[in-house]
Protein backbone atom coordinates (compact mmCIF):
# COMPACT_ATOMS: atom_id res chain seq x y z
CA MET A 1 94.43 123.57 121.49
CA LEU A 2 93.10 120.10 122.31
CA PRO A 3 89.82 119.70 123.98
CA VAL A 4 89.83 118.48 127.55
CA LEU A 5 87.87 115.49 128.18
CA LEU A 6 86.46 114.91 131.62
CA THR A 7 85.81 111.60 133.08
CA ILE A 8 83.33 111.17 135.91
CA GLN A 9 84.69 108.60 138.30
CA THR A 10 82.09 106.35 139.57
CA ARG A 11 81.98 104.40 142.88
CA ARG A 12 83.64 100.97 142.35
CA GLU A 13 84.02 97.84 144.64
CA ASN A 14 86.51 95.20 145.19
CA LYS A 15 89.35 97.69 145.41
CA ASN A 16 92.58 96.91 147.34
CA LEU A 17 93.60 98.73 150.32
CA THR A 18 95.89 101.87 149.82
CA GLY A 19 97.72 103.07 152.67
CA THR A 20 97.99 102.16 156.44
CA ALA A 21 95.28 100.11 157.69
CA ARG A 22 95.02 101.80 160.98
CA TYR A 23 93.93 105.13 159.45
CA ALA A 24 92.08 103.84 156.38
CA SER A 25 88.37 104.70 155.98
CA CYS A 26 85.58 102.10 156.59
CA ASN A 27 84.88 102.10 152.91
CA THR A 28 88.54 101.17 152.24
CA HIS A 29 88.31 98.30 154.59
CA LEU A 30 85.00 97.33 152.74
CA GLY A 31 86.86 97.45 149.43
CA ILE A 32 84.95 100.44 148.09
CA GLU A 33 86.46 103.11 145.91
CA GLN A 34 88.21 105.72 147.84
CA SER A 35 86.95 109.51 147.50
CA ARG A 36 87.69 112.79 149.14
CA ARG A 37 85.26 111.84 151.97
CA ASP A 38 87.60 108.84 152.69
CA ASP A 39 90.71 111.07 152.70
CA LEU A 40 88.90 113.30 155.25
CA GLU A 41 88.01 110.23 157.45
CA SER A 42 91.56 109.00 157.26
CA LEU A 43 92.99 112.47 158.30
CA GLY A 44 90.54 112.44 161.24
CA TYR A 45 91.83 109.15 162.51
CA VAL A 46 95.26 110.58 162.29
CA LEU A 47 94.37 113.64 164.25
CA LEU A 48 92.70 111.43 166.76
CA TYR A 49 95.77 109.32 167.26
CA TYR A 50 97.82 112.33 168.06
CA LEU A 51 95.10 113.35 170.78
CA ARG A 52 95.11 109.87 172.41
CA GLY A 53 94.80 109.91 176.13
CA ARG A 54 93.29 113.27 176.10
CA THR A 55 89.58 114.40 175.83
CA HIS A 56 88.44 115.00 172.43
CA PRO A 57 87.18 118.40 171.52
CA VAL A 58 83.66 118.68 170.53
CA GLU A 59 84.83 119.99 166.92
CA PHE A 60 85.97 116.39 166.10
CA ALA A 61 82.25 115.08 166.39
CA SER A 62 81.28 117.89 163.98
CA TYR A 63 84.09 116.93 161.57
CA PHE A 64 83.24 113.24 161.54
CA HIS A 65 79.62 114.12 161.21
CA TYR A 66 80.32 116.45 158.37
CA TYR A 67 82.35 114.08 156.17
CA HIS A 68 79.94 111.27 156.75
CA SER A 69 77.18 113.36 155.19
CA LEU A 70 79.38 113.81 151.86
CA THR A 71 78.40 111.80 148.96
CA PHE A 72 81.06 109.84 146.76
CA ASP A 73 81.50 112.72 144.16
CA GLN A 74 80.80 115.74 146.69
CA ARG A 75 83.60 118.29 147.16
CA PRO A 76 84.23 119.12 150.83
CA ASP A 77 83.73 122.64 151.96
CA CYS A 78 87.31 123.40 152.86
CA GLY A 79 86.33 126.96 154.32
CA PHE A 80 83.93 125.31 156.76
CA LEU A 81 86.69 122.72 157.82
CA LYS A 82 89.42 125.57 158.15
CA ARG A 83 86.99 127.70 160.34
CA LEU A 84 86.03 124.47 162.54
CA PHE A 85 89.77 123.85 163.32
CA ARG A 86 90.88 127.54 163.51
CA ASP A 87 88.13 128.19 166.00
CA LEU A 88 89.39 125.07 168.05
CA PHE A 89 93.01 126.13 167.87
CA ALA A 90 92.20 129.72 168.93
CA ARG A 91 90.08 128.39 171.91
CA GLU A 92 92.81 126.11 172.97
CA GLU A 93 95.50 128.90 172.59
CA HIS A 94 93.13 131.08 174.86
CA VAL A 95 92.92 128.34 177.53
CA LYS A 96 96.70 127.78 177.51
CA GLU A 97 97.29 131.51 177.95
CA ARG A 98 94.82 131.67 180.88
CA ASN A 99 96.77 128.83 182.59
CA ARG A 100 100.06 130.38 182.02
CA ALA A 101 98.61 133.70 183.52
CA GLY A 102 97.29 131.82 186.51
CA ASP A 103 100.60 130.00 187.00
CA ALA A 104 102.47 133.32 186.78
CA ALA A 105 100.32 134.84 189.28
CA GLY A 106 101.09 131.87 191.72
CA SER A 107 97.46 130.87 191.99
CA GLY A 108 98.35 127.34 190.96
CA VAL A 109 94.62 127.20 189.68
CA LYS A 110 94.40 125.26 186.34
CA ILE A 111 91.42 126.28 184.07
């Protein structure tokens, strides 16, 4: 069996933009090598795009703060991110259920 050689990717500059400029991370626009952190930033921009015109849940502030705290080579805590958005979706579904129950009762009161 051949030994596996691991290379450590270092942060490089003067890189070309890869992807859609609208969703690219700030580092990408600055020509800095993309990392997992930049992938999370781009995903956040896509999610915000789908929420346009609506109030953004507080979890998005936590999400953006979290990925900004990551270093270039740091692995994101996927468990934390899953819990963050799972709790958000559970809360939003609970609010929808309460609204449906209120409408069914004829109260017309939106929560």
